Amino acid sequence: MDSSQASRQAEPSRNRSRDSTFTLYRFFAVDGTLLYIGVTGTPRARWSHHSKTKDEWRRVDTIKVEHLDSREELEAAEKAAIKAERPLWNLIHNKPTRTVAEVRTLLDQGSWLSVDEVAVLFGASKSVASAWVTRGTALLGGTRPERRESAGRVEVEPGWVASLLLECRKVRSPDYPDGEPGVLANLRHW
């Protein structure tokens, strides 16, 4: 999507000027997945910059904006939104809700795991874990897991995750084939 498409599809959620210097924005994929939450004083310039510097920009389908009254209100709203909504690409304020040990216990009990939990288990980013779940991973010959939706989140069958764990243990290289160096760090403890 280029910046002209972005500005046409942006949907203000308050009745303030689009030229507000305190803009909170959300990027969504075509399937409605929340990709990113950000803030800016110059929305069109910011989105133009994203379109030129971020390969992921092509996944952005819709942008929703919210105009706030102050920088302090904007920063607080961004932090709260990221913590509550857990967008795929945000790293700051987007900490996992479970520890590796807690996720490992869930897996040992045969529980289905969320994409977030798969990311925690492997020490990967949410975007890498999401790619494994949607496209499969080279370690399992491109096999994708069975998925289900539960409480508004995608969950992955435990057998696929366990198989991926077993294959990862066989890998000795610090470079993981799906593009996330150091992804095996959490596995050294098992």
Protein backbone atom coordinates (compact mmCIF):
# COMPACT_ATOMS: atom_id res chain seq x y z
CA MET A 1 0.00 0.00 0.00
CA ASP A 2 1.45 3.40 -0.85
CA SER A 3 1.01 6.49 1.32
CA SER A 4 -1.83 7.84 -0.85
CA GLN A 5 -3.79 4.63 -0.26
CA ALA A 6 -3.05 4.85 3.44
CA SER A 7 -4.44 8.34 3.76
CA ARG A 8 -7.57 7.39 1.79
CA GLN A 9 -8.21 4.40 4.04
CA ALA A 10 -7.42 6.07 7.35
CA GLU A 11 -10.50 6.28 9.53
CA PRO A 12 -10.44 9.00 12.21
CA SER A 13 -12.14 7.82 15.39
CA ARG A 14 -12.59 11.30 16.92
CA ASN A 15 -13.93 14.53 15.50
CA ARG A 16 -10.66 16.47 15.58
CA SER A 17 -8.67 17.82 12.67
CA ARG A 18 -6.61 15.26 10.72
CA ASP A 19 -3.71 17.70 11.08
CA SER A 20 -3.56 17.15 14.85
CA THR A 21 -0.02 16.90 16.14
CA PHE A 22 -1.01 14.10 18.54
CA THR A 23 -2.05 11.11 16.43
CA LEU A 24 -2.28 7.49 17.58
CA TYR A 25 -2.56 5.06 14.66
CA ARG A 26 -3.18 1.34 14.17
CA PHE A 27 -2.17 -0.72 11.13
CA PHE A 28 -4.38 -3.71 10.27
CA ALA A 29 -3.88 -6.56 7.79
CA VAL A 30 -6.61 -7.51 5.33
CA ASP A 31 -7.79 -10.28 7.70
CA GLY A 32 -8.20 -7.76 10.54
CA THR A 33 -5.02 -8.71 12.41
CA LEU A 34 -3.65 -5.75 14.36
CA LEU A 35 -0.13 -5.31 13.04
CA TYR A 36 1.20 -2.15 14.71
CA ILE A 37 0.29 0.74 16.99
CA GLY A 38 2.26 3.97 16.68
CA VAL A 39 2.21 7.69 17.34
CA THR A 40 3.16 10.65 15.21
CA GLY A 41 2.75 14.37 14.79
CA THR A 42 2.73 14.05 11.00
CA PRO A 43 0.68 11.02 9.92
CA ARG A 44 1.10 11.20 6.15
CA ALA A 45 4.85 11.77 6.40
CA ARG A 46 5.19 8.91 8.91
CA TRP A 47 3.24 6.48 6.73
CA SER A 48 5.22 7.54 3.68
CA HIS A 49 8.42 6.79 5.62
CA HIS A 50 7.06 3.36 6.65
CA SER A 51 6.16 2.58 3.02
CA LYS A 52 9.75 3.29 1.92
CA THR A 53 11.64 1.67 4.79
CA LYS A 54 9.57 -1.28 6.02
CA ASP A 55 9.17 -4.42 3.90
CA GLU A 56 6.18 -5.37 6.05
CA TRP A 57 4.29 -2.29 4.80
CA ARG A 58 2.79 -4.36 1.98
CA ARG A 59 0.70 -6.23 4.59
CA VAL A 60 -0.99 -3.02 5.81
CA ASP A 61 -4.54 -2.84 4.50
CA THR A 62 -6.28 -0.39 6.83
CA ILE A 63 -5.12 2.40 9.10
CA LYS A 64 -7.26 3.71 11.93
CA VAL A 65 -6.33 6.97 13.65
CA GLU A 66 -7.22 8.65 16.90
CA HIS A 67 -6.38 12.28 17.69
CA LEU A 68 -5.51 13.20 21.25
CA ASP A 69 -5.10 16.50 23.06
CA SER A 70 -1.55 16.31 24.44
CA ARG A 71 1.76 14.49 24.10
CA GLU A 72 1.32 13.00 27.58
CA GLU A 73 -2.16 11.69 26.72
CA LEU A 74 -0.79 10.31 23.44
CA GLU A 75 2.10 8.43 25.07
CA ALA A 76 -0.16 7.00 27.78
CA ALA A 77 -2.75 5.91 25.19
CA GLU A 78 -0.09 4.23 23.01
CA LYS A 79 1.39 2.30 25.94
CA ALA A 80 -2.03 1.18 27.19
CA ALA A 81 -3.18 0.17 23.69
CA ILE A 82 -0.04 -1.89 22.99
CA LYS A 83 -0.28 -3.68 26.36
CA ALA A 84 -4.00 -4.41 25.93
CA GLU A 85 -4.16 -5.17 22.19
CA ARG A 86 -0.72 -6.84 21.70
CA PRO A 87 -0.05 -5.88 18.06
CA LEU A 88 2.11 -8.24 16.04
CA TRP A 89 4.98 -5.86 15.22
CA ASN A 90 5.34 -3.74 18.37
CA LEU A 91 8.22 -4.71 20.63
CA ILE A 92 8.20 -2.01 23.31
CA HIS A 93 5.41 -2.38 25.94
CA ASN A 94 4.52 -5.73 24.35
CA LYS A 95 5.98 -8.21 26.82
CA PRO A 96 4.81 -11.82 26.89
CA THR A 97 2.17 -12.63 29.46
CA ARG A 98 3.72 -16.00 30.33
CA THR A 99 7.21 -17.24 31.14
CA VAL A 100 9.00 -20.00 29.22
CA ALA A 101 8.42 -22.38 32.15
CA GLU A 102 4.68 -21.62 32.19
CA VAL A 103 4.40 -22.21 28.43
CA ARG A 104 6.42 -25.43 28.70
CA THR A 105 4.02 -26.65 31.43
CA LEU A 106 1.04 -25.89 29.17
CA LEU A 107 2.67 -27.84 26.34
CA ASP A 108 3.47 -30.78 28.64
CA GLN A 109 -0.22 -30.82 29.64
CA GLY A 110 -1.24 -31.04 25.97
CA SER A 111 -2.71 -27.52 25.84
CA TRP A 112 -3.11 -25.65 22.60
CA LEU A 113 -0.76 -22.63 22.51
CA SER A 114 -1.28 -19.09 21.24
CA VAL A 115 1.14 -17.52 18.75
CA ASP A 116 2.44 -15.39 21.64
CA GLU A 117 3.14 -18.52 23.66
CA VAL A 118 4.92 -20.19 20.72
CA ALA A 119 7.09 -17.05 20.44
CA VAL A 120 7.91 -17.18 24.17
CA LEU A 121 8.74 -20.88 24.03
CA PHE A 122 11.24 -20.47 21.19
CA GLY A 123 12.60 -17.05 22.14
CA ALA A 124 11.34 -15.71 18.80
CA SER A 125 9.53 -12.53 17.88
CA LYS A 126 5.75 -12.69 17.48
CA SER A 127 6.09 -11.96 13.77
CA VAL A 128 8.43 -14.95 13.26
CA ALA A 129 6.17 -17.24 15.31
CA SER A 130 3.19 -16.01 13.32
CA ALA A 131 5.00 -16.82 10.07
CA TRP A 132 5.73 -20.37 11.32
CA VAL A 133 2.08 -20.86 12.18
CA THR A 134 0.69 -19.46 8.91
CA ARG A 135 3.36 -20.65 6.43
CA GLY A 136 5.02 -23.53 8.21
CA THR A 137 8.72 -23.88 9.05
CA ALA A 138 11.62 -25.40 7.15
CA LEU A 139 12.50 -27.60 10.13
CA LEU A 140 9.22 -29.47 9.69
CA GLY A 141 9.30 -29.52 5.89
CA GLY A 142 6.94 -26.56 5.65
CA THR A 143 4.23 -28.37 7.61
CA ARG A 144 1.71 -25.98 9.14
CA PRO A 145 -0.03 -26.73 12.40
CA GLU A 146 -3.71 -27.30 12.91
CA ARG A 147 -5.10 -24.00 14.19
CA ARG A 148 -8.24 -22.91 15.96
CA GLU A 149 -9.68 -19.64 17.20
CA SER A 150 -10.34 -19.37 20.91
CA ALA A 151 -11.30 -16.24 22.87
CA GLY A 152 -10.32 -14.06 19.91
CA ARG A 153 -6.83 -15.51 19.47
CA VAL A 154 -5.31 -18.13 17.19
CA GLU A 155 -4.15 -21.29 18.95
CA VAL A 156 -1.84 -24.01 17.67
CA GLU A 157 -2.10 -27.76 18.28
CA PRO A 158 0.45 -29.02 20.81
CA GLY A 159 1.73 -31.92 18.65
CA TRP A 160 3.12 -29.54 16.03
CA VAL A 161 4.85 -27.43 18.69
CA ALA A 162 6.36 -30.55 20.32
CA SER A 163 7.62 -31.75 16.91
CA LEU A 164 9.20 -28.37 16.28
CA LEU A 165 10.89 -28.51 19.70
CA LEU A 166 12.35 -31.93 18.88
CA GLU A 167 13.68 -30.74 15.53
CA CYS A 168 15.17 -27.60 17.08
CA ARG A 169 17.11 -29.71 19.57
CA LYS A 170 18.83 -31.43 16.62
CA VAL A 171 20.01 -28.10 15.17
CA ARG A 172 23.49 -27.10 16.30
CA SER A 173 23.82 -23.83 14.35
CA PRO A 174 23.06 -20.54 16.16
CA ASP A 175 21.40 -19.34 12.95
CA TYR A 176 17.85 -20.55 12.63
CA PRO A 177 16.66 -21.24 9.04
CA ASP A 178 13.50 -19.15 9.43
CA GLY A 179 15.45 -15.95 9.93
CA GLU A 180 15.64 -15.43 13.70
CA PRO A 181 19.23 -15.82 15.01
CA GLY A 182 19.42 -16.98 18.61
CA VAL A 183 15.96 -18.53 18.55
CA LEU A 184 17.29 -21.65 20.24
CA ALA A 185 18.39 -19.83 23.41
CA ASN A 186 15.40 -21.01 25.43
CA LEU A 187 15.94 -24.64 24.42
CA ARG A 188 19.34 -24.96 26.09
CA HIS A 189 17.66 -25.42 29.47
CA TRP A 190 15.75 -28.57 28.46
